Amino acid sequence: MTADDSFGRLDDDDYPAYTMGRAADMLGTTQNFLRAIGEHRLITPLRSAGGHRRYSRYQLRIAARARELVDQGTPIEAACRIAVLEGRLEEAQRCRARTPVRPLPWGRPPPRGG
């Protein structure tokens, strides 16, 4: 990948553009926090050729949600689990919104209380 290719990918939410130090600064947290959520498998940063952790904007959004929960007093393990479940719910809602509604084969149900 050339420098021009890398520059063009900066708009890509999944491009690992941020070092661990920069990511921690952006989130207002510590590098240890990022390591901890990695240990809890909330996010798995990619590694540079030199072995350094690199984070995408998508991963930073997830990390920011976990940090918000931890700041509210939620244990880090629970915060990571909540963030995962919220992500799954969001994806299910997007999937449901894309799925066309099919009418029931027997038509509309009878009115209630009638």
N, C-alpha and C. Protein backbone atom coordinates (compact mmCIF):
# COMPACT_ATOMS: atom_id res chain seq x y z
N MET A 1 0.86 -1.18 0.00
CA MET A 1 0.00 0.00 0.00
C MET A 1 0.90 1.23 0.00
N THR A 2 0.61 2.15 -0.88
CA THR A 2 1.40 3.37 -0.96
C THR A 2 0.81 4.43 -0.05
N ALA A 3 1.54 5.52 0.13
CA ALA A 3 1.04 6.63 0.95
C ALA A 3 -0.24 7.19 0.36
N ASP A 4 -0.34 7.24 -0.97
CA ASP A 4 -1.55 7.74 -1.61
C ASP A 4 -2.74 6.84 -1.31
N ASP A 5 -2.51 5.52 -1.30
CA ASP A 5 -3.59 4.58 -0.97
C ASP A 5 -4.05 4.80 0.46
N SER A 6 -3.12 4.97 1.39
CA SER A 6 -3.46 5.17 2.79
C SER A 6 -4.26 6.45 2.98
N PHE A 7 -3.86 7.51 2.31
CA PHE A 7 -4.56 8.79 2.44
C PHE A 7 -6.00 8.66 1.96
N GLY A 8 -6.22 7.91 0.89
CA GLY A 8 -7.56 7.72 0.36
C GLY A 8 -8.46 6.92 1.27
N ARG A 9 -7.90 6.14 2.18
CA ARG A 9 -8.69 5.29 3.07
C ARG A 9 -9.05 5.97 4.38
N LEU A 10 -8.62 7.20 4.58
CA LEU A 10 -8.90 7.88 5.85
C LEU A 10 -10.39 8.09 6.09
N ASP A 11 -11.19 8.08 5.05
CA ASP A 11 -12.64 8.19 5.21
C ASP A 11 -13.29 6.85 5.53
N ASP A 12 -12.53 5.79 5.48
CA ASP A 12 -13.02 4.43 5.75
C ASP A 12 -13.09 4.22 7.26
N ASP A 13 -14.28 3.95 7.79
CA ASP A 13 -14.46 3.74 9.23
C ASP A 13 -13.67 2.55 9.76
N ASP A 14 -13.33 1.62 8.89
CA ASP A 14 -12.63 0.41 9.32
C ASP A 14 -11.12 0.49 9.13
N TYR A 15 -10.63 1.58 8.59
CA TYR A 15 -9.19 1.72 8.35
C TYR A 15 -8.49 2.01 9.68
N PRO A 16 -7.49 1.22 10.06
CA PRO A 16 -6.81 1.41 11.35
C PRO A 16 -5.82 2.58 11.32
N ALA A 17 -6.34 3.78 11.41
CA ALA A 17 -5.53 4.98 11.22
C ALA A 17 -4.91 5.53 12.50
N TYR A 18 -5.36 5.05 13.67
CA TYR A 18 -4.96 5.70 14.92
C TYR A 18 -4.07 4.80 15.77
N THR A 19 -2.97 5.37 16.22
CA THR A 19 -2.09 4.65 17.15
C THR A 19 -2.79 4.54 18.50
N MET A 20 -2.26 3.70 19.35
CA MET A 20 -2.85 3.54 20.68
C MET A 20 -2.81 4.85 21.46
N GLY A 21 -1.70 5.56 21.40
CA GLY A 21 -1.60 6.83 22.12
C GLY A 21 -2.60 7.85 21.62
N ARG A 22 -2.72 7.96 20.30
CA ARG A 22 -3.68 8.91 19.72
C ARG A 22 -5.10 8.51 20.06
N ALA A 23 -5.41 7.22 19.99
CA ALA A 23 -6.75 6.74 20.31
C ALA A 23 -7.10 7.05 21.76
N ALA A 24 -6.16 6.81 22.68
CA ALA A 24 -6.40 7.10 24.09
C ALA A 24 -6.64 8.60 24.29
N ASP A 25 -5.85 9.43 23.64
CA ASP A 25 -6.04 10.88 23.74
C ASP A 25 -7.42 11.30 23.23
N MET A 26 -7.82 10.74 22.09
CA MET A 26 -9.11 11.10 21.50
C MET A 26 -10.28 10.71 22.42
N LEU A 27 -10.12 9.60 23.13
CA LEU A 27 -11.18 9.12 24.02
C LEU A 27 -11.08 9.70 25.42
N GLY A 28 -9.99 10.40 25.69
CA GLY A 28 -9.80 10.94 27.04
C GLY A 28 -9.59 9.84 28.06
N THR A 29 -8.89 8.80 27.67
CA THR A 29 -8.65 7.67 28.56
C THR A 29 -7.19 7.27 28.50
N THR A 30 -6.87 6.13 29.05
CA THR A 30 -5.49 5.68 29.09
C THR A 30 -5.26 4.54 28.10
N GLN A 31 -4.01 4.30 27.82
CA GLN A 31 -3.67 3.16 26.98
C GLN A 31 -4.00 1.86 27.70
N ASN A 32 -3.91 1.86 29.01
CA ASN A 32 -4.28 0.67 29.78
C ASN A 32 -5.75 0.32 29.61
N PHE A 33 -6.61 1.34 29.51
CA PHE A 33 -8.03 1.08 29.27
C PHE A 33 -8.20 0.38 27.93
N LEU A 34 -7.51 0.87 26.90
CA LEU A 34 -7.62 0.24 25.58
C LEU A 34 -7.10 -1.20 25.61
N ARG A 35 -6.03 -1.43 26.35
CA ARG A 35 -5.52 -2.80 26.49
C ARG A 35 -6.56 -3.68 27.19
N ALA A 36 -7.19 -3.12 28.23
CA ALA A 36 -8.17 -3.90 29.01
C ALA A 36 -9.37 -4.29 28.17
N ILE A 37 -9.90 -3.37 27.37
CA ILE A 37 -11.06 -3.75 26.56
C ILE A 37 -10.64 -4.71 25.45
N GLY A 38 -9.38 -4.65 25.07
CA GLY A 38 -8.86 -5.64 24.13
C GLY A 38 -8.79 -7.02 24.77
N GLU A 39 -8.35 -7.07 26.04
CA GLU A 39 -8.29 -8.34 26.77
C GLU A 39 -9.67 -8.94 26.96
N HIS A 40 -10.68 -8.08 27.08
CA HIS A 40 -12.07 -8.54 27.22
C HIS A 40 -12.72 -8.77 25.85
N ARG A 41 -11.92 -8.64 24.81
CA ARG A 41 -12.32 -8.92 23.43
C ARG A 41 -13.46 -8.05 22.92
N LEU A 42 -13.54 -6.84 23.45
CA LEU A 42 -14.52 -5.90 22.91
C LEU A 42 -14.07 -5.44 21.53
N ILE A 43 -12.81 -5.10 21.41
CA ILE A 43 -12.24 -4.74 20.11
C ILE A 43 -10.89 -5.42 19.98
N THR A 44 -10.52 -5.71 18.76
CA THR A 44 -9.20 -6.30 18.49
C THR A 44 -8.50 -5.39 17.50
N PRO A 45 -7.58 -4.57 17.99
CA PRO A 45 -6.90 -3.66 17.08
C PRO A 45 -6.01 -4.42 16.10
N LEU A 46 -5.85 -3.86 14.94
CA LEU A 46 -4.90 -4.42 13.99
C LEU A 46 -3.50 -4.03 14.44
N ARG A 47 -2.52 -4.67 13.90
CA ARG A 47 -1.13 -4.38 14.26
C ARG A 47 -0.40 -3.82 13.06
N SER A 48 0.44 -2.83 13.32
CA SER A 48 1.29 -2.27 12.27
C SER A 48 2.39 -3.27 11.94
N ALA A 49 3.16 -2.98 10.92
CA ALA A 49 4.28 -3.85 10.56
C ALA A 49 5.25 -4.00 11.74
N GLY A 50 5.34 -2.99 12.57
CA GLY A 50 6.21 -3.03 13.74
C GLY A 50 5.56 -3.65 14.96
N GLY A 51 4.32 -4.10 14.84
CA GLY A 51 3.63 -4.75 15.96
C GLY A 51 2.83 -3.83 16.86
N HIS A 52 2.72 -2.55 16.50
CA HIS A 52 1.98 -1.60 17.33
C HIS A 52 0.49 -1.66 17.03
N ARG A 53 -0.32 -1.47 18.07
CA ARG A 53 -1.78 -1.50 17.91
C ARG A 53 -2.24 -0.29 17.10
N ARG A 54 -3.19 -0.53 16.20
CA ARG A 54 -3.78 0.53 15.38
C ARG A 54 -5.30 0.37 15.45
N TYR A 55 -6.00 1.49 15.63
CA TYR A 55 -7.46 1.48 15.83
C TYR A 55 -8.17 2.22 14.70
N SER A 56 -9.35 1.73 14.38
CA SER A 56 -10.21 2.39 13.38
C SER A 56 -11.21 3.30 14.09
N ARG A 57 -11.86 4.15 13.34
CA ARG A 57 -12.90 5.01 13.92
C ARG A 57 -14.05 4.17 14.46
N TYR A 58 -14.39 3.10 13.76
CA TYR A 58 -15.45 2.20 14.24
C TYR A 58 -15.08 1.64 15.62
N GLN A 59 -13.85 1.17 15.76
CA GLN A 59 -13.41 0.64 17.05
C GLN A 59 -13.40 1.71 18.13
N LEU A 60 -13.05 2.93 17.75
CA LEU A 60 -13.04 4.01 18.74
C LEU A 60 -14.44 4.35 19.23
N ARG A 61 -15.43 4.25 18.36
CA ARG A 61 -16.82 4.48 18.79
C ARG A 61 -17.24 3.43 19.81
N ILE A 62 -16.87 2.18 19.58
CA ILE A 62 -17.19 1.11 20.52
C ILE A 62 -16.46 1.34 21.84
N ALA A 63 -15.20 1.68 21.76
CA ALA A 63 -14.41 1.95 22.97
C ALA A 63 -14.98 3.13 23.75
N ALA A 64 -15.46 4.14 23.04
CA ALA A 64 -16.04 5.31 23.70
C ALA A 64 -17.30 4.92 24.47
N ARG A 65 -18.10 4.02 23.92
CA ARG A 65 -19.30 3.56 24.61
C ARG A 65 -18.92 2.78 25.87
N ALA A 66 -17.91 1.93 25.77
CA ALA A 66 -17.46 1.18 26.94
C ALA A 66 -16.94 2.13 28.02
N ARG A 67 -16.21 3.14 27.59
CA ARG A 67 -15.68 4.11 28.56
C ARG A 67 -16.82 4.86 29.25
N GLU A 68 -17.83 5.22 28.49
CA GLU A 68 -18.99 5.90 29.06
C GLU A 68 -19.63 5.04 30.16
N LEU A 69 -19.79 3.77 29.88
CA LEU A 69 -20.39 2.86 30.86
C LEU A 69 -19.50 2.71 32.09
N VAL A 70 -18.20 2.58 31.88
CA VAL A 70 -17.26 2.46 33.00
C VAL A 70 -17.28 3.73 33.84
N ASP A 71 -17.34 4.88 33.19
CA ASP A 71 -17.39 6.16 33.90
C ASP A 71 -18.65 6.27 34.76
N GLN A 72 -19.71 5.55 34.38
CA GLN A 72 -20.96 5.54 35.14
C GLN A 72 -20.94 4.51 36.27
N GLY A 73 -19.81 3.79 36.40
CA GLY A 73 -19.68 2.83 37.49
C GLY A 73 -19.85 1.37 37.10
N THR A 74 -20.06 1.11 35.83
CA THR A 74 -20.21 -0.27 35.38
C THR A 74 -18.84 -0.94 35.35
N PRO A 75 -18.73 -2.16 35.89
CA PRO A 75 -17.45 -2.87 35.79
C PRO A 75 -17.06 -3.07 34.32
N ILE A 76 -15.77 -3.08 34.05
CA ILE A 76 -15.31 -3.13 32.67
C ILE A 76 -15.81 -4.37 31.93
N GLU A 77 -15.84 -5.52 32.62
CA GLU A 77 -16.34 -6.74 31.98
C GLU A 77 -17.77 -6.56 31.53
N ALA A 78 -18.60 -5.99 32.39
CA ALA A 78 -20.01 -5.77 32.06
C ALA A 78 -20.15 -4.71 30.98
N ALA A 79 -19.34 -3.67 31.04
CA ALA A 79 -19.39 -2.61 30.02
C ALA A 79 -19.08 -3.18 28.64
N CYS A 80 -18.10 -4.06 28.58
CA CYS A 80 -17.76 -4.68 27.29
C CYS A 80 -18.91 -5.53 26.79
N ARG A 81 -19.51 -6.30 27.68
CA ARG A 81 -20.64 -7.16 27.28
C ARG A 81 -21.82 -6.31 26.81
N ILE A 82 -22.12 -5.25 27.52
CA ILE A 82 -23.21 -4.36 27.14
C ILE A 82 -22.95 -3.76 25.77
N ALA A 83 -21.73 -3.29 25.54
CA ALA A 83 -21.39 -2.69 24.24
C ALA A 83 -21.56 -3.70 23.11
N VAL A 84 -21.17 -4.95 23.35
CA VAL A 84 -21.34 -6.01 22.33
C VAL A 84 -22.83 -6.22 22.06
N LEU A 85 -23.62 -6.34 23.10
CA LEU A 85 -25.06 -6.58 22.93
C LEU A 85 -25.76 -5.40 22.25
N GLU A 86 -25.36 -4.19 22.60
CA GLU A 86 -25.93 -3.02 21.94
C GLU A 86 -25.61 -3.03 20.44
N GLY A 87 -24.38 -3.42 20.11
CA GLY A 87 -23.99 -3.52 18.71
C GLY A 87 -24.82 -4.56 17.96
N ARG A 88 -25.04 -5.70 18.59
CA ARG A 88 -25.87 -6.74 17.96
C ARG A 88 -27.30 -6.28 17.77
N LEU A 89 -27.84 -5.60 18.77
CA LEU A 89 -29.20 -5.08 18.65
C LEU A 89 -29.31 -4.07 17.52
N GLU A 90 -28.34 -3.18 17.43
CA GLU A 90 -28.33 -2.18 16.36
C GLU A 90 -28.30 -2.85 14.99
N GLU A 91 -27.46 -3.87 14.84
CA GLU A 91 -27.36 -4.58 13.57
C GLU A 91 -28.68 -5.31 13.26
N ALA A 92 -29.31 -5.91 14.25
CA ALA A 92 -30.58 -6.59 14.04
C ALA A 92 -31.67 -5.60 13.62
N GLN A 93 -31.65 -4.42 14.22
CA GLN A 93 -32.64 -3.40 13.86
C GLN A 93 -32.42 -2.91 12.43
N ARG A 94 -31.14 -2.75 12.02
CA ARG A 94 -30.86 -2.37 10.62
C ARG A 94 -31.32 -3.45 9.66
N CYS A 95 -31.06 -4.69 10.02
CA CYS A 95 -31.46 -5.82 9.18
C CYS A 95 -32.98 -5.88 9.06
N ARG A 96 -33.65 -5.69 10.17
CA ARG A 96 -35.12 -5.72 10.16
C ARG A 96 -35.69 -4.59 9.32
N ALA A 97 -35.07 -3.43 9.37
CA ALA A 97 -35.54 -2.28 8.59
C ALA A 97 -35.39 -2.54 7.09
N ARG A 98 -34.40 -3.35 6.71
CA ARG A 98 -34.19 -3.65 5.28
C ARG A 98 -35.10 -4.77 4.79
N THR A 99 -35.67 -5.56 5.70
CA THR A 99 -36.49 -6.70 5.33
C THR A 99 -37.91 -6.23 5.04
N PRO A 100 -38.42 -6.54 3.83
CA PRO A 100 -39.78 -6.12 3.52
C PRO A 100 -40.79 -6.86 4.40
N VAL A 101 -41.85 -6.16 4.73
CA VAL A 101 -42.92 -6.75 5.54
C VAL A 101 -43.83 -7.52 4.61
N ARG A 102 -44.06 -8.78 4.94
CA ARG A 102 -44.96 -9.61 4.13
C ARG A 102 -46.27 -9.77 4.87
N PRO A 103 -47.37 -9.70 4.14
CA PRO A 103 -48.67 -9.87 4.81
C PRO A 103 -48.81 -11.32 5.29
N LEU A 104 -49.54 -11.48 6.37
CA LEU A 104 -49.80 -12.81 6.89
C LEU A 104 -50.69 -13.56 5.91
N PRO A 105 -50.54 -14.87 5.79
CA PRO A 105 -51.32 -15.62 4.81
C PRO A 105 -52.82 -15.61 5.10
N TRP A 106 -53.22 -15.40 6.32
CA TRP A 106 -54.63 -15.43 6.68
C TRP A 106 -55.23 -14.03 6.81
N GLY A 107 -54.50 -13.04 6.41
CA GLY A 107 -55.01 -11.68 6.45
C GLY A 107 -54.79 -11.05 7.82
N ARG A 108 -55.55 -10.04 8.09
CA ARG A 108 -55.41 -9.31 9.35
C ARG A 108 -56.07 -10.07 10.49
N PRO A 109 -55.50 -9.96 11.68
CA PRO A 109 -56.14 -10.61 12.83
C PRO A 109 -57.43 -9.87 13.20
N PRO A 110 -58.36 -10.58 13.80
CA PRO A 110 -59.63 -9.92 14.20
C PRO A 110 -59.34 -8.85 15.24
N PRO A 111 -60.16 -7.80 15.28
CA PRO A 111 -59.96 -6.74 16.28
C PRO A 111 -60.12 -7.30 17.68
N ARG A 112 -59.36 -6.74 18.60
CA ARG A 112 -59.45 -7.18 20.00
C ARG A 112 -60.65 -6.55 20.69
N GLY A 113 -61.17 -7.30 21.63
CA GLY A 113 -62.24 -6.79 22.49
C GLY A 113 -63.57 -6.64 21.78
N GLY A 114 -63.69 -7.19 20.60
CA GLY A 114 -64.91 -7.01 19.84
C GLY A 114 -65.86 -8.05 20.03
